[in-house]
C-alpha atoms as a PDB file:
ATOM      1  CA  UNK A   1       9.720   1.857   8.007  1.00  0.00           C
ATOM      2  CA  UNK A   2      11.851   2.461   4.925  1.00  0.00           C
ATOM      3  CA  UNK A   3      12.036  -1.287   4.234  1.00  0.00           C
ATOM      4  CA  UNK A   4       8.229  -1.419   4.234  1.00  0.00           C
ATOM      5  CA  UNK A   5       8.070   1.556   1.857  1.00  0.00           C
ATOM      6  CA  UNK A   6      10.495  -0.075  -0.563  1.00  0.00           C
ATOM      7  CA  UNK A   7       8.624  -3.372  -0.410  1.00  0.00           C
ATOM      8  CA  UNK A   8       5.329  -1.574  -1.104  1.00  0.00           C
ATOM      9  CA  UNK A   9       6.875   0.357  -3.976  1.00  0.00           C
ATOM     10  CA  UNK A  10       8.234  -2.843  -5.546  1.00  0.00           C
ATOM     11  CA  UNK A  11       4.947  -4.700  -5.097  1.00  0.00           C
ATOM     12  CA  UNK A  12       2.792  -1.886  -6.507  1.00  0.00           C
ATOM     13  CA  UNK A  13       5.073  -1.438  -9.503  1.00  0.00           C
ATOM     14  CA  UNK A  14       5.106  -5.154 -10.239  1.00  0.00           C
ATOM     15  CA  UNK A  15       1.407  -5.857  -9.691  1.00  0.00           C
ATOM     16  CA  UNK A  16      -0.386  -2.659 -10.660  1.00  0.00           C
ATOM     17  CA  UNK A  17       1.969  -0.402 -12.640  1.00  0.00           C
ATOM     18  CA  UNK A  18       4.196  -2.598 -14.807  1.00  0.00           C
ATOM     19  CA  UNK A  19       6.564  -0.523 -16.900  1.00  0.00           C
ATOM     20  CA  UNK A  20       6.183   2.580 -14.727  1.00  0.00           C
ATOM     21  CA  UNK A  21       9.342   4.313 -13.587  1.00  0.00           C
ATOM     22  CA  UNK A  22      10.283   3.716  -9.943  1.00  0.00           C
ATOM     23  CA  UNK A  23      11.012   7.431  -9.560  1.00  0.00           C
ATOM     24  CA  UNK A  24       7.404   8.287 -10.440  1.00  0.00           C
ATOM     25  CA  UNK A  25       6.031   6.235  -7.553  1.00  0.00           C
ATOM     26  CA  UNK A  26       6.843   8.645  -4.742  1.00  0.00           C
ATOM     27  CA  UNK A  27       5.927   8.158  -1.087  1.00  0.00           C
ATOM     28  CA  UNK A  28       3.159  10.755  -1.304  1.00  0.00           C
ATOM     29  CA  UNK A  29       1.650   9.890  -4.715  1.00  0.00           C
ATOM     30  CA  UNK A  30      -2.119   9.409  -4.229  1.00  0.00           C
ATOM     31  CA  UNK A  31      -2.913   5.855  -5.275  1.00  0.00           C
ATOM     32  CA  UNK A  32      -6.516   5.397  -4.164  1.00  0.00           C
ATOM     33  CA  UNK A  33      -7.874   8.841  -4.850  1.00  0.00           C
ATOM     34  CA  UNK A  34      -6.202   8.911  -8.273  1.00  0.00           C
ATOM     35  CA  UNK A  35      -7.738   5.572  -9.267  1.00  0.00           C
ATOM     36  CA  UNK A  36      -4.483   3.611  -9.481  1.00  0.00           C
ATOM     37  CA  UNK A  37      -5.772   1.374  -6.684  1.00  0.00           C
ATOM     38  CA  UNK A  38      -9.413   0.530  -7.276  1.00  0.00           C
ATOM     39  CA  UNK A  39     -11.380  -1.538  -4.760  1.00  0.00           C
ATOM     40  CA  UNK A  40     -10.339  -4.896  -6.196  1.00  0.00           C
ATOM     41  CA  UNK A  41      -6.653  -3.963  -6.313  1.00  0.00           C
ATOM     42  CA  UNK A  42      -6.908  -2.568  -2.799  1.00  0.00           C
ATOM     43  CA  UNK A  43      -8.333  -5.849  -1.495  1.00  0.00           C
ATOM     44  CA  UNK A  44      -5.523  -7.726  -3.235  1.00  0.00           C
ATOM     45  CA  UNK A  45      -2.937  -5.432  -1.660  1.00  0.00           C
ATOM     46  CA  UNK A  46      -4.477  -5.688   1.813  1.00  0.00           C
ATOM     47  CA  UNK A  47      -4.599  -9.485   1.627  1.00  0.00           C
ATOM     48  CA  UNK A  48      -1.001  -9.604   0.475  1.00  0.00           C
ATOM     49  CA  UNK A  49       0.205  -7.319   3.272  1.00  0.00           C
ATOM     50  CA  UNK A  50      -1.696  -9.292   5.900  1.00  0.00           C
ATOM     51  CA  UNK A  51      -0.112 -12.510   4.688  1.00  0.00           C
ATOM     52  CA  UNK A  52       3.419 -11.139   4.270  1.00  0.00           C
ATOM     53  CA  UNK A  53       3.602  -9.364   7.612  1.00  0.00           C
ATOM     54  CA  UNK A  54       1.313 -11.631   9.676  1.00  0.00           C
ATOM     55  CA  UNK A  55      -0.993  -8.757  10.573  1.00  0.00           C
ATOM     56  CA  UNK A  56      -4.704  -8.048  10.205  1.00  0.00           C
ATOM     57  CA  UNK A  57      -6.423  -4.827   9.250  1.00  0.00           C
ATOM     58  CA  UNK A  58      -9.740  -3.903  10.808  1.00  0.00           C
ATOM     59  CA  UNK A  59     -12.554  -2.861   8.474  1.00  0.00           C
ATOM     60  CA  UNK A  60     -12.333   0.767   9.626  1.00  0.00           C
ATOM     61  CA  UNK A  61      -8.598   0.813   8.855  1.00  0.00           C
ATOM     62  CA  UNK A  62      -9.075  -0.611   5.374  1.00  0.00           C
ATOM     63  CA  UNK A  63     -11.975   1.753   4.725  1.00  0.00           C
ATOM     64  CA  UNK A  64     -10.025   4.831   5.777  1.00  0.00           C
ATOM     65  CA  UNK A  65      -8.790   6.329   2.504  1.00  0.00           C
ATOM     66  CA  UNK A  66      -5.816   8.022   4.187  1.00  0.00           C
ATOM     67  CA  UNK A  67      -4.419   4.677   5.357  1.00  0.00           C
ATOM     68  CA  UNK A  68      -4.146   3.276   1.842  1.00  0.00           C
ATOM     69  CA  UNK A  69      -3.840   6.338  -0.386  1.00  0.00           C
ATOM     70  CA  UNK A  70      -0.064   6.706  -0.312  1.00  0.00           C
ATOM     71  CA  UNK A  71       2.960   4.516   0.270  1.00  0.00           C
ATOM     72  CA  UNK A  72       3.738   6.729   3.267  1.00  0.00           C
ATOM     73  CA  UNK A  73       0.335   6.065   4.836  1.00  0.00           C
ATOM     74  CA  UNK A  74       0.445   2.337   4.128  1.00  0.00           C
ATOM     75  CA  UNK A  75       3.964   1.953   5.504  1.00  0.00           C
ATOM     76  CA  UNK A  76       3.031   3.840   8.634  1.00  0.00           C
ATOM     77  CA  UNK A  77      -0.003   1.621   9.246  1.00  0.00           C
ATOM     78  CA  UNK A  78       1.896  -1.607   8.528  1.00  0.00           C
ATOM     79  CA  UNK A  79       4.747  -0.528  10.802  1.00  0.00           C
ATOM     80  CA  UNK A  80       2.336   0.266  13.633  1.00  0.00           C
ATOM     81  CA  UNK A  81       0.702  -3.158  13.227  1.00  0.00           C
ATOM     82  CA  UNK A  82       4.016  -4.994  13.180  1.00  0.00           C
ATOM     83  CA  UNK A  83       4.810  -3.503  16.558  1.00  0.00           C
END
Protein backbone atom coordinates (compact mmCIF):
# COMPACT_ATOMS: atom_id res chain seq x y z
CA UNK A 1 0.00 0.00 0.00
CA UNK A 2 2.95 2.33 0.53
CA UNK A 3 3.63 2.43 -3.23
CA UNK A 4 0.04 3.58 -3.79
CA UNK A 5 0.42 6.26 -1.11
CA UNK A 6 3.61 7.59 -2.69
CA UNK A 7 2.04 7.58 -6.14
CA UNK A 8 -0.99 9.48 -4.81
CA UNK A 9 1.24 11.97 -3.02
CA UNK A 10 3.27 12.61 -6.18
CA UNK A 11 0.16 12.95 -8.35
CA UNK A 12 -1.64 15.32 -5.95
CA UNK A 13 1.44 17.50 -5.55
CA UNK A 14 1.98 17.69 -9.30
CA UNK A 15 -1.63 18.22 -10.35
CA UNK A 16 -3.26 20.10 -7.50
CA UNK A 17 -0.58 21.54 -5.20
CA UNK A 18 2.38 22.61 -7.33
CA UNK A 19 5.13 24.13 -5.23
CA UNK A 20 3.84 22.61 -1.98
CA UNK A 21 6.33 20.79 0.20
CA UNK A 22 6.11 16.99 0.09
CA UNK A 23 6.39 16.89 3.88
CA UNK A 24 3.20 18.94 4.23
CA UNK A 25 1.14 16.38 2.34
CA UNK A 26 0.83 13.79 5.09
CA UNK A 27 -1.17 10.57 4.88
CA UNK A 28 -3.91 11.96 7.11
CA UNK A 29 -4.18 15.53 5.74
CA UNK A 30 -7.86 16.16 4.89
CA UNK A 31 -8.01 16.93 1.18
CA UNK A 32 -11.73 16.92 0.43
CA UNK A 33 -13.06 18.44 3.61
CA UNK A 34 -10.39 21.16 3.52
CA UNK A 35 -11.28 22.13 -0.05
CA UNK A 36 -7.98 21.08 -1.64
CA UNK A 37 -9.92 18.54 -3.72
CA UNK A 38 -13.11 20.11 -5.03
CA UNK A 39 -15.61 18.07 -7.04
CA UNK A 40 -13.92 18.66 -10.38
CA UNK A 41 -10.47 17.76 -9.06
CA UNK A 42 -11.93 14.71 -7.35
CA UNK A 43 -13.45 13.49 -10.62
CA UNK A 44 -10.09 14.02 -12.34
CA UNK A 45 -8.33 12.04 -9.62
CA UNK A 46 -10.87 9.21 -9.69
CA UNK A 47 -10.64 8.92 -13.48
CA UNK A 48 -6.86 8.88 -13.31
CA UNK A 49 -6.79 6.18 -10.63
CA UNK A 50 -9.27 4.03 -12.53
CA UNK A 51 -7.14 4.26 -15.65
CA UNK A 52 -3.78 3.75 -13.94
CA UNK A 53 -4.80 0.78 -11.83
CA UNK A 54 -7.45 -0.76 -14.12
CA UNK A 55 -10.13 -0.52 -11.45
CA UNK A 56 -13.58 1.06 -11.20
CA UNK A 57 -15.14 2.91 -8.31
CA UNK A 58 -18.84 2.58 -7.62
CA UNK A 59 -20.84 5.78 -7.14
CA UNK A 60 -21.27 5.10 -3.42
CA UNK A 61 -17.50 4.69 -3.02
CA UNK A 62 -16.73 7.93 -4.84
CA UNK A 63 -19.45 9.74 -2.90
CA UNK A 64 -18.17 8.56 0.47
CA UNK A 65 -16.08 11.46 1.76
CA UNK A 66 -13.93 9.18 3.94
CA UNK A 67 -12.73 7.21 0.92
CA UNK A 68 -11.25 10.26 -0.79
CA UNK A 69 -10.48 12.67 2.04
CA UNK A 70 -6.96 11.48 2.84
CA UNK A 71 -4.12 9.72 1.08
CA UNK A 72 -4.51 6.95 3.66
CA UNK A 73 -8.18 6.43 2.77
CA UNK A 74 -7.56 6.57 -0.97
CA UNK A 75 -4.65 4.14 -0.81
CA UNK A 76 -6.67 1.72 1.26
CA UNK A 77 -9.56 1.79 -1.21
CA UNK A 78 -7.29 1.46 -4.26
CA UNK A 79 -5.41 -1.42 -2.64
CA UNK A 80 -8.65 -3.24 -1.84
CA UNK A 81 -9.80 -2.81 -5.45
CA UNK A 82 -6.52 -4.02 -6.90
CA UNK A 83 -6.96 -7.26 -4.99
